[in-house]
Amino acid sequence: MRLLLGLLVCFGSVVHAQERIEVDVELFLAVDVSRSMQPYELEIQRRGYATALQSPEVQAAINSGFLGRIAITYVEWAGTHDQRIIVPWTVLATPEDAVAIAGQITAHFDDAMRRTSISGALMHAAESIDRNAFDGLRRVIDVSGDGPNNMGRPVTLARDAVLARGITINGLPLMTQDDGFTSRWNIPDLDAYYTACVIGGTGAFVVPVTDWAEFEDAVRRKLVLEIAGQSARLWRTQATAPYNCLIGEEIWERNRDIFALP
């Protein structure tokens, strides 16, 4: 009887292992849709990612991998518990896969959500990576944002917890700031903030976007580096001085009496 039970356990373990799919990279695209983002900016983001994913450069990066396929998910985020899945975890291997994923991204355009919790996005992404059905040679969170963390746990605590799981965090700081109402929550050196407070792990890097006209090209270059695993050589960025990683929370406290918040 013990022998039979042992065989059943072993058989169950083999079946479970076979259910998982090996990929070169597990790539979590975490895209900021906080209220500081204007409707046209949300559309630029979605169309930019959709176009970049279908580019020959991204396809070549996928083909250059050991397995020739990656797992990808596209999730929009704002407040601590505000994450909406636009593209669930799926395999991206062929141009046809890219077309299908791009169609999901651009199928509809939802409104922005309140607040900015990079820490919430990072923890949600890490848990999603741990729960998915893929085993990646590398695991990467690609997080974009137009402002510092102002909700939830301090971003450095979330970052460190994610890095402890062996996940790399790269950043796409959106420095396309205007002089409108939401500018009070912006900081001029968002790339430095992302470098010091958000990114980390093997080959971690940031690609700042200073003009929306640059967005599609920046996303394409960033995806190629992440998929091909070349970031350690090319776009690595390191903090050069101490940084106040609670700047977003401090700005929030000074402006918390304002009703419409990003």
C-alpha atoms as a PDB file:
ATOM      1  CA  MET A   1       0.000   0.000   0.000  1.00  0.00           C
ATOM      2  CA  ARG A   2       2.839   2.419   0.862  1.00  0.00           C
ATOM      3  CA  LEU A   3       4.489   1.611  -2.469  1.00  0.00           C
ATOM      4  CA  LEU A   4       1.235   2.317  -4.321  1.00  0.00           C
ATOM      5  CA  LEU A   5       0.759   5.624  -2.514  1.00  0.00           C
ATOM      6  CA  GLY A   6       4.330   6.601  -3.302  1.00  0.00           C
ATOM      7  CA  LEU A   7       3.820   5.846  -6.978  1.00  0.00           C
ATOM      8  CA  LEU A   8       0.617   7.880  -7.043  1.00  0.00           C
ATOM      9  CA  VAL A   9       2.368  10.859  -5.443  1.00  0.00           C
ATOM     10  CA  CYS A  10       5.225  10.643  -7.921  1.00  0.00           C
ATOM     11  CA  PHE A  11       2.803  10.330 -10.835  1.00  0.00           C
ATOM     12  CA  GLY A  12       0.869  13.366  -9.621  1.00  0.00           C
ATOM     13  CA  SER A  13       4.077  15.377  -9.360  1.00  0.00           C
ATOM     14  CA  VAL A  14       5.058  14.443 -12.907  1.00  0.00           C
ATOM     15  CA  VAL A  15       1.651  15.436 -14.265  1.00  0.00           C
ATOM     16  CA  HIS A  16       1.789  18.740 -12.393  1.00  0.00           C
ATOM     17  CA  ALA A  17       5.260  19.478 -13.753  1.00  0.00           C
ATOM     18  CA  GLN A  18       4.148  18.677 -17.286  1.00  0.00           C
ATOM     19  CA  GLU A  19       1.327  21.204 -17.020  1.00  0.00           C
ATOM     20  CA  ARG A  20       3.792  24.085 -16.700  1.00  0.00           C
ATOM     21  CA  ILE A  21       5.191  25.753 -19.811  1.00  0.00           C
ATOM     22  CA  GLU A  22       8.833  26.714 -20.104  1.00  0.00           C
ATOM     23  CA  VAL A  23       9.591  30.113 -21.651  1.00  0.00           C
ATOM     24  CA  ASP A  24      12.594  32.361 -22.041  1.00  0.00           C
ATOM     25  CA  VAL A  25      11.025  35.241 -20.090  1.00  0.00           C
ATOM     26  CA  GLU A  26       7.975  35.832 -17.922  1.00  0.00           C
ATOM     27  CA  LEU A  27       7.244  39.499 -18.690  1.00  0.00           C
ATOM     28  CA  PHE A  28       4.699  41.453 -16.649  1.00  0.00           C
ATOM     29  CA  LEU A  29       3.782  44.771 -18.307  1.00  0.00           C
ATOM     30  CA  ALA A  30       2.498  47.074 -15.540  1.00  0.00           C
ATOM     31  CA  VAL A  31       1.029  50.194 -17.161  1.00  0.00           C
ATOM     32  CA  ASP A  32       0.095  53.343 -15.215  1.00  0.00           C
ATOM     33  CA  VAL A  33      -3.503  54.565 -15.638  1.00  0.00           C
ATOM     34  CA  SER A  34      -3.704  56.873 -12.623  1.00  0.00           C
ATOM     35  CA  ARG A  35      -5.896  59.957 -12.868  1.00  0.00           C
ATOM     36  CA  SER A  36      -2.917  62.160 -13.700  1.00  0.00           C
ATOM     37  CA  MET A  37      -2.972  60.455 -17.119  1.00  0.00           C
ATOM     38  CA  GLN A  38      -5.152  62.193 -19.711  1.00  0.00           C
ATOM     39  CA  PRO A  39      -7.490  60.114 -21.948  1.00  0.00           C
ATOM     40  CA  TYR A  40      -5.354  60.738 -25.032  1.00  0.00           C
ATOM     41  CA  GLU A  41      -2.283  59.614 -23.077  1.00  0.00           C
ATOM     42  CA  LEU A  42      -3.990  56.361 -22.096  1.00  0.00           C
ATOM     43  CA  GLU A  43      -4.736  55.735 -25.766  1.00  0.00           C
ATOM     44  CA  ILE A  44      -1.149  56.518 -26.785  1.00  0.00           C
ATOM     45  CA  GLN A  45       0.073  54.006 -24.224  1.00  0.00           C
ATOM     46  CA  ARG A  46      -2.141  51.178 -25.407  1.00  0.00           C
ATOM     47  CA  ARG A  47      -1.527  51.775 -29.088  1.00  0.00           C
ATOM     48  CA  GLY A  48       2.204  52.175 -28.417  1.00  0.00           C
ATOM     49  CA  TYR A  49       2.461  48.803 -26.690  1.00  0.00           C
ATOM     50  CA  ALA A  50       0.279  47.126 -29.311  1.00  0.00           C
ATOM     51  CA  THR A  51       2.426  48.427 -32.165  1.00  0.00           C
ATOM     52  CA  ALA A  52       5.723  47.700 -30.423  1.00  0.00           C
ATOM     53  CA  LEU A  53       4.763  44.098 -29.683  1.00  0.00           C
ATOM     54  CA  GLN A  54       4.087  43.514 -33.394  1.00  0.00           C
ATOM     55  CA  SER A  55       7.385  45.036 -34.532  1.00  0.00           C
ATOM     56  CA  PRO A  56      10.012  42.963 -36.383  1.00  0.00           C
ATOM     57  CA  GLU A  57      12.571  43.936 -33.733  1.00  0.00           C
ATOM     58  CA  VAL A  58      10.531  42.399 -30.919  1.00  0.00           C
ATOM     59  CA  GLN A  59       9.843  39.282 -32.962  1.00  0.00           C
ATOM     60  CA  ALA A  60      13.559  38.912 -33.691  1.00  0.00           C
ATOM     61  CA  ALA A  61      14.332  39.215 -29.972  1.00  0.00           C
ATOM     62  CA  ILE A  62      11.825  36.454 -29.211  1.00  0.00           C
ATOM     63  CA  ASN A  63      13.271  34.231 -31.952  1.00  0.00           C
ATOM     64  CA  SER A  64      16.781  34.724 -30.567  1.00  0.00           C
ATOM     65  CA  GLY A  65      15.830  33.138 -27.255  1.00  0.00           C
ATOM     66  CA  PHE A  66      16.752  29.608 -26.212  1.00  0.00           C
ATOM     67  CA  LEU A  67      13.127  28.475 -26.462  1.00  0.00           C
ATOM     68  CA  GLY A  68      11.859  31.091 -28.903  1.00  0.00           C
ATOM     69  CA  ARG A  69       8.837  32.031 -26.806  1.00  0.00           C
ATOM     70  CA  ILE A  70       7.958  34.236 -23.860  1.00  0.00           C
ATOM     71  CA  ALA A  71       4.989  34.560 -21.511  1.00  0.00           C
ATOM     72  CA  ILE A  72       3.441  38.003 -21.242  1.00  0.00           C
ATOM     73  CA  THR A  73       0.618  39.791 -19.437  1.00  0.00           C
ATOM     74  CA  TYR A  74      -0.567  43.405 -19.749  1.00  0.00           C
ATOM     75  CA  VAL A  75      -2.063  44.928 -16.601  1.00  0.00           C
ATOM     76  CA  GLU A  76      -3.108  48.521 -15.913  1.00  0.00           C
ATOM     77  CA  TRP A  77      -2.649  49.888 -12.403  1.00  0.00           C
ATOM     78  CA  ALA A  78      -3.373  52.913 -10.211  1.00  0.00           C
ATOM     79  CA  GLY A  79      -4.180  52.667  -6.465  1.00  0.00           C
ATOM     80  CA  THR A  80      -3.012  49.961  -4.073  1.00  0.00           C
ATOM     81  CA  HIS A  81      -5.720  47.481  -5.038  1.00  0.00           C
ATOM     82  CA  ASP A  82      -6.558  48.920  -8.454  1.00  0.00           C
ATOM     83  CA  GLN A  83      -5.153  46.594 -11.087  1.00  0.00           C
ATOM     84  CA  ARG A  84      -7.103  45.471 -14.153  1.00  0.00           C
ATOM     85  CA  ILE A  85      -5.944  42.671 -16.399  1.00  0.00           C
ATOM     86  CA  ILE A  86      -6.169  43.577 -20.065  1.00  0.00           C
ATOM     87  CA  VAL A  87      -4.190  40.614 -21.403  1.00  0.00           C
ATOM     88  CA  PRO A  88      -3.963  37.567 -19.109  1.00  0.00           C
ATOM     89  CA  TRP A  89      -0.808  35.458 -19.106  1.00  0.00           C
ATOM     90  CA  THR A  90      -0.311  34.074 -22.588  1.00  0.00           C
ATOM     91  CA  VAL A  91       2.443  32.753 -24.841  1.00  0.00           C
ATOM     92  CA  LEU A  92       4.033  35.144 -27.336  1.00  0.00           C
ATOM     93  CA  ALA A  93       6.067  33.259 -29.934  1.00  0.00           C
ATOM     94  CA  THR A  94       4.871  34.173 -33.422  1.00  0.00           C
ATOM     95  CA  PRO A  95       3.726  37.274 -35.307  1.00  0.00           C
ATOM     96  CA  GLU A  96       0.214  35.831 -35.152  1.00  0.00           C
ATOM     97  CA  ASP A  97       0.446  35.727 -31.343  1.00  0.00           C
ATOM     98  CA  ALA A  98       1.534  39.375 -31.356  1.00  0.00           C
ATOM     99  CA  VAL A  99      -1.418  40.397 -33.519  1.00  0.00           C
ATOM    100  CA  ALA A 100      -3.838  38.642 -31.173  1.00  0.00           C
ATOM    101  CA  ILE A 101      -2.308  40.265 -28.080  1.00  0.00           C
ATOM    102  CA  ALA A 102      -2.303  43.696 -29.728  1.00  0.00           C
ATOM    103  CA  GLY A 103      -5.989  43.235 -30.518  1.00  0.00           C
ATOM    104  CA  GLN A 104      -6.735  42.577 -26.850  1.00  0.00           C
ATOM    105  CA  ILE A 105      -4.801  45.672 -25.763  1.00  0.00           C
ATOM    106  CA  THR A 106      -6.654  47.982 -28.164  1.00  0.00           C
ATOM    107  CA  ALA A 107     -10.087  46.368 -27.944  1.00  0.00           C
ATOM    108  CA  HIS A 108     -11.386  49.152 -25.694  1.00  0.00           C
ATOM    109  CA  PHE A 109     -10.068  52.066 -23.686  1.00  0.00           C
ATOM    110  CA  ASP A 110     -11.083  52.322 -20.040  1.00  0.00           C
ATOM    111  CA  ASP A 111     -11.048  55.423 -17.873  1.00  0.00           C
ATOM    112  CA  ALA A 112      -8.240  56.332 -15.504  1.00  0.00           C
ATOM    113  CA  MET A 113      -8.326  55.284 -11.841  1.00  0.00           C
ATOM    114  CA  ARG A 114      -7.420  57.150  -8.640  1.00  0.00           C
ATOM    115  CA  ARG A 115      -4.041  57.441  -6.891  1.00  0.00           C
ATOM    116  CA  THR A 116      -0.586  56.089  -7.679  1.00  0.00           C
ATOM    117  CA  SER A 117       0.664  52.975  -5.912  1.00  0.00           C
ATOM    118  CA  ILE A 118       3.774  51.652  -7.601  1.00  0.00           C
ATOM    119  CA  SER A 119       4.250  49.425  -4.567  1.00  0.00           C
ATOM    120  CA  GLY A 120       0.797  47.913  -5.054  1.00  0.00           C
ATOM    121  CA  ALA A 121       1.543  47.287  -8.723  1.00  0.00           C
ATOM    122  CA  LEU A 122       4.866  45.617  -7.910  1.00  0.00           C
ATOM    123  CA  MET A 123       3.401  43.285  -5.285  1.00  0.00           C
ATOM    124  CA  HIS A 124       0.463  42.393  -7.533  1.00  0.00           C
ATOM    125  CA  ALA A 125       2.880  41.654 -10.381  1.00  0.00           C
ATOM    126  CA  ALA A 126       5.148  39.465  -8.230  1.00  0.00           C
ATOM    127  CA  GLU A 127       2.217  37.424  -6.939  1.00  0.00           C
ATOM    128  CA  SER A 128       0.876  37.045 -10.479  1.00  0.00           C
ATOM    129  CA  ILE A 129       4.261  35.810 -11.695  1.00  0.00           C
ATOM    130  CA  ASP A 130       4.444  33.283  -8.855  1.00  0.00           C
ATOM    131  CA  ARG A 131       0.930  31.978  -9.603  1.00  0.00           C
ATOM    132  CA  ASN A 132       1.063  31.701 -13.383  1.00  0.00           C
ATOM    133  CA  ALA A 133       1.518  28.473 -15.363  1.00  0.00           C
ATOM    134  CA  PHE A 134       4.956  29.344 -16.741  1.00  0.00           C
ATOM    135  CA  ASP A 135       8.559  28.658 -15.811  1.00  0.00           C
ATOM    136  CA  GLY A 136      10.765  31.395 -17.245  1.00  0.00           C
ATOM    137  CA  LEU A 137      14.525  31.430 -17.480  1.00  0.00           C
ATOM    138  CA  ARG A 138      14.110  35.067 -16.416  1.00  0.00           C
ATOM    139  CA  ARG A 139      11.251  36.884 -14.671  1.00  0.00           C
ATOM    140  CA  VAL A 140      10.776  40.601 -15.305  1.00  0.00           C
ATOM    141  CA  ILE A 141       8.354  43.336 -14.242  1.00  0.00           C
ATOM    142  CA  ASP A 142       8.222  46.252 -16.685  1.00  0.00           C
ATOM    143  CA  VAL A 143       6.555  49.135 -14.816  1.00  0.00           C
ATOM    144  CA  SER A 144       5.642  52.495 -16.329  1.00  0.00           C
ATOM    145  CA  GLY A 145       4.451  55.566 -14.470  1.00  0.00           C
ATOM    146  CA  ASP A 146       4.201  59.347 -14.590  1.00  0.00           C
ATOM    147  CA  GLY A 147       4.663  60.057 -10.901  1.00  0.00           C
ATOM    148  CA  PRO A 148       6.083  58.741  -7.612  1.00  0.00           C
ATOM    149  CA  ASN A 149       4.369  56.333  -5.247  1.00  0.00           C
ATOM    150  CA  ASN A 150       1.765  58.079  -3.057  1.00  0.00           C
ATOM    151  CA  MET A 151      -0.311  55.183  -1.690  1.00  0.00           C
ATOM    152  CA  GLY A 152       0.281  51.854   0.011  1.00  0.00           C
ATOM    153  CA  ARG A 153       3.509  50.557   1.477  1.00  0.00           C
ATOM    154  CA  PRO A 154       6.727  52.471   0.760  1.00  0.00           C
ATOM    155  CA  VAL A 155       7.942  51.610  -2.700  1.00  0.00           C
ATOM    156  CA  THR A 156      11.381  50.525  -1.508  1.00  0.00           C
ATOM    157  CA  LEU A 157       9.846  47.862   0.747  1.00  0.00           C
ATOM    158  CA  ALA A 158       7.824  46.500  -2.162  1.00  0.00           C
ATOM    159  CA  ARG A 159      10.863  46.640  -4.438  1.00  0.00           C
ATOM    160  CA  ASP A 160      13.017  44.714  -1.978  1.00  0.00           C
ATOM    161  CA  ALA A 161      10.318  42.076  -1.460  1.00  0.00           C
ATOM    162  CA  VAL A 162      10.053  41.556  -5.217  1.00  0.00           C
ATOM    163  CA  LEU A 163      13.812  41.362  -5.691  1.00  0.00           C
ATOM    164  CA  ALA A 164      13.980  38.724  -2.938  1.00  0.00           C
ATOM    165  CA  ARG A 165      11.875  36.497  -5.203  1.00  0.00           C
ATOM    166  CA  GLY A 166      14.473  36.705  -7.954  1.00  0.00           C
ATOM    167  CA  ILE A 167      12.401  39.029 -10.150  1.00  0.00           C
ATOM    168  CA  THR A 168      13.989  41.953 -12.027  1.00  0.00           C
ATOM    169  CA  ILE A 169      12.200  45.325 -12.124  1.00  0.00           C
ATOM    170  CA  ASN A 170      12.725  47.721 -15.045  1.00  0.00           C
ATOM    171  CA  GLY A 171      11.208  51.189 -15.327  1.00  0.00           C
ATOM    172  CA  LEU A 172       9.605  53.371 -17.983  1.00  0.00           C
ATOM    173  CA  PRO A 173       9.249  56.789 -16.278  1.00  0.00           C
ATOM    174  CA  LEU A 174       6.866  59.030 -18.221  1.00  0.00           C
ATOM    175  CA  MET A 175       8.335  62.516 -17.963  1.00  0.00           C
ATOM    176  CA  THR A 176       5.860  64.158 -20.340  1.00  0.00           C
ATOM    177  CA  GLN A 177       4.599  66.501 -17.637  1.00  0.00           C
ATOM    178  CA  ASP A 178       2.371  69.460 -18.348  1.00  0.00           C
ATOM    179  CA  ASP A 179       1.490  72.548 -16.329  1.00  0.00           C
ATOM    180  CA  GLY A 180      -2.098  71.540 -15.670  1.00  0.00           C
ATOM    181  CA  PHE A 181      -3.941  70.672 -12.474  1.00  0.00           C
ATOM    182  CA  THR A 182      -2.265  67.268 -12.006  1.00  0.00           C
ATOM    183  CA  SER A 183       1.254  68.698 -12.280  1.00  0.00           C
ATOM    184  CA  ARG A 184       1.277  69.274  -8.498  1.00  0.00           C
ATOM    185  CA  TRP A 185       1.887  65.530  -8.041  1.00  0.00           C
ATOM    186  CA  ASN A 186       4.752  65.371 -10.544  1.00  0.00           C
ATOM    187  CA  ILE A 187       8.469  65.523  -9.878  1.00  0.00           C
ATOM    188  CA  PRO A 188      10.996  66.808 -12.440  1.00  0.00           C
ATOM    189  CA  ASP A 189      13.530  63.996 -11.934  1.00  0.00           C
ATOM    190  CA  LEU A 190      11.236  60.973 -12.170  1.00  0.00           C
ATOM    191  CA  ASP A 191      13.967  58.990 -13.915  1.00  0.00           C
ATOM    192  CA  ALA A 192      16.232  59.473 -10.885  1.00  0.00           C
ATOM    193  CA  TYR A 193      13.361  58.420  -8.591  1.00  0.00           C
ATOM    194  CA  TYR A 194      12.784  55.237 -10.595  1.00  0.00           C
ATOM    195  CA  THR A 195      16.513  54.507 -10.601  1.00  0.00           C
ATOM    196  CA  ALA A 196      16.950  54.984  -6.851  1.00  0.00           C
ATOM    197  CA  CYS A 197      13.615  53.718  -5.547  1.00  0.00           C
ATOM    198  CA  VAL A 198      11.849  51.415  -8.020  1.00  0.00           C
ATOM    199  CA  ILE A 199      14.094  49.316 -10.266  1.00  0.00           C
ATOM    200  CA  GLY A 200      16.416  46.501  -9.245  1.00  0.00           C
ATOM    201  CA  GLY A 201      17.684  43.038 -10.025  1.00  0.00           C
ATOM    202  CA  THR A 202      20.005  41.646 -12.660  1.00  0.00           C
ATOM    203  CA  GLY A 203      20.592  44.191 -15.430  1.00  0.00           C
ATOM    204  CA  ALA A 204      17.833  46.525 -14.201  1.00  0.00           C
ATOM    205  CA  PHE A 205      17.440  49.734 -16.212  1.00  0.00           C
ATOM    206  CA  VAL A 206      15.161  52.685 -16.954  1.00  0.00           C
ATOM    207  CA  VAL A 207      14.158  54.200 -20.294  1.00  0.00           C
ATOM    208  CA  PRO A 208      12.732  57.708 -19.705  1.00  0.00           C
ATOM    209  CA  VAL A 209      10.068  59.083 -22.049  1.00  0.00           C
ATOM    210  CA  THR A 210      10.164  62.877 -22.280  1.00  0.00           C
ATOM    211  CA  ASP A 211       7.767  63.326 -25.204  1.00  0.00           C
ATOM    212  CA  TRP A 212       4.742  61.237 -26.171  1.00  0.00           C
ATOM    213  CA  ALA A 213       6.057  61.165 -29.743  1.00  0.00           C
ATOM    214  CA  GLU A 214       8.909  59.011 -28.388  1.00  0.00           C
ATOM    215  CA  PHE A 215       6.689  56.535 -26.571  1.00  0.00           C
ATOM    216  CA  GLU A 216       6.309  53.781 -29.166  1.00  0.00           C
ATOM    217  CA  ASP A 217      10.019  53.750 -29.968  1.00  0.00           C
ATOM    218  CA  ALA A 218      10.953  53.698 -26.271  1.00  0.00           C
ATOM    219  CA  VAL A 219       8.622  50.768 -25.587  1.00  0.00           C
ATOM    220  CA  ARG A 220       9.954  48.839 -28.568  1.00  0.00           C
ATOM    221  CA  ARG A 221      13.586  49.322 -27.514  1.00  0.00           C
ATOM    222  CA  LYS A 222      12.763  48.421 -23.931  1.00  0.00           C
ATOM    223  CA  LEU A 223      10.921  45.234 -24.904  1.00  0.00           C
ATOM    224  CA  VAL A 224      13.794  44.136 -27.133  1.00  0.00           C
ATOM    225  CA  LEU A 225      16.301  44.597 -24.319  1.00  0.00           C
ATOM    226  CA  GLU A 226      14.117  42.782 -21.803  1.00  0.00           C
ATOM    227  CA  ILE A 227      13.315  39.862 -24.082  1.00  0.00           C
ATOM    228  CA  ALA A 228      16.855  39.457 -25.374  1.00  0.00           C
ATOM    229  CA  GLY A 229      18.370  39.885 -21.910  1.00  0.00           C
ATOM    230  CA  GLN A 230      20.746  42.613 -23.083  1.00  0.00           C
ATOM    231  CA  SER A 231      19.860  45.267 -20.510  1.00  0.00           C
ATOM    232  CA  ALA A 232      22.929  44.640 -18.337  1.00  0.00           C
ATOM    233  CA  ARG A 233      25.178  45.736 -21.187  1.00  0.00           C
ATOM    234  CA  LEU A 234      23.203  48.549 -22.747  1.00  0.00           C
ATOM    235  CA  TRP A 235      20.724  50.577 -20.716  1.00  0.00           C
ATOM    236  CA  ARG A 236      21.759  49.912 -17.142  1.00  0.00           C
ATOM    237  CA  THR A 237      21.209  52.892 -14.874  1.00  0.00           C
ATOM    238  CA  GLN A 238      22.491  53.285 -11.309  1.00  0.00           C
ATOM    239  CA  ALA A 239      21.651  55.820  -8.645  1.00  0.00           C
ATOM    240  CA  THR A 240      24.503  58.236  -8.065  1.00  0.00           C
ATOM    241  CA  ALA A 241      23.245  59.959  -4.902  1.00  0.00           C
ATOM    242  CA  PRO A 242      20.828  59.360  -1.993  1.00  0.00           C
ATOM    243  CA  TYR A 243      17.207  60.009  -2.927  1.00  0.00           C
ATOM    244  CA  ASN A 244      14.080  60.697  -0.861  1.00  0.00           C
ATOM    245  CA  CYS A 245      11.959  57.717  -1.872  1.00  0.00           C
ATOM    246  CA  LEU A 246       8.993  59.029   0.160  1.00  0.00           C
ATOM    247  CA  ILE A 247       8.686  62.191  -1.951  1.00  0.00           C
ATOM    248  CA  GLY A 248       5.370  61.051  -3.434  1.00  0.00           C
ATOM    249  CA  GLU A 249       3.811  60.444  -0.027  1.00  0.00           C
ATOM    250  CA  GLU A 250       5.026  63.852   1.162  1.00  0.00           C
ATOM    251  CA  ILE A 251       3.509  65.594  -1.868  1.00  0.00           C
ATOM    252  CA  TRP A 252       0.253  63.744  -1.214  1.00  0.00           C
ATOM    253  CA  GLU A 253       0.139  64.925   2.388  1.00  0.00           C
ATOM    254  CA  ARG A 254       0.599  68.530   1.283  1.00  0.00           C
ATOM    255  CA  ASN A 255      -2.242  68.265  -1.243  1.00  0.00           C
ATOM    256  CA  ARG A 256      -4.600  65.720   0.325  1.00  0.00           C
ATOM    257  CA  ASP A 257      -7.383  68.297   0.714  1.00  0.00           C
ATOM    258  CA  ILE A 258      -7.771  68.434  -3.067  1.00  0.00           C
ATOM    259  CA  PHE A 259     -10.806  66.395  -4.173  1.00  0.00           C
ATOM    260  CA  ALA A 260      -9.706  65.205  -7.622  1.00  0.00           C
ATOM    261  CA  LEU A 261      -6.543  63.210  -7.051  1.00  0.00           C
ATOM    262  CA  PRO A 262      -4.258  61.310  -9.449  1.00  0.00           C
END
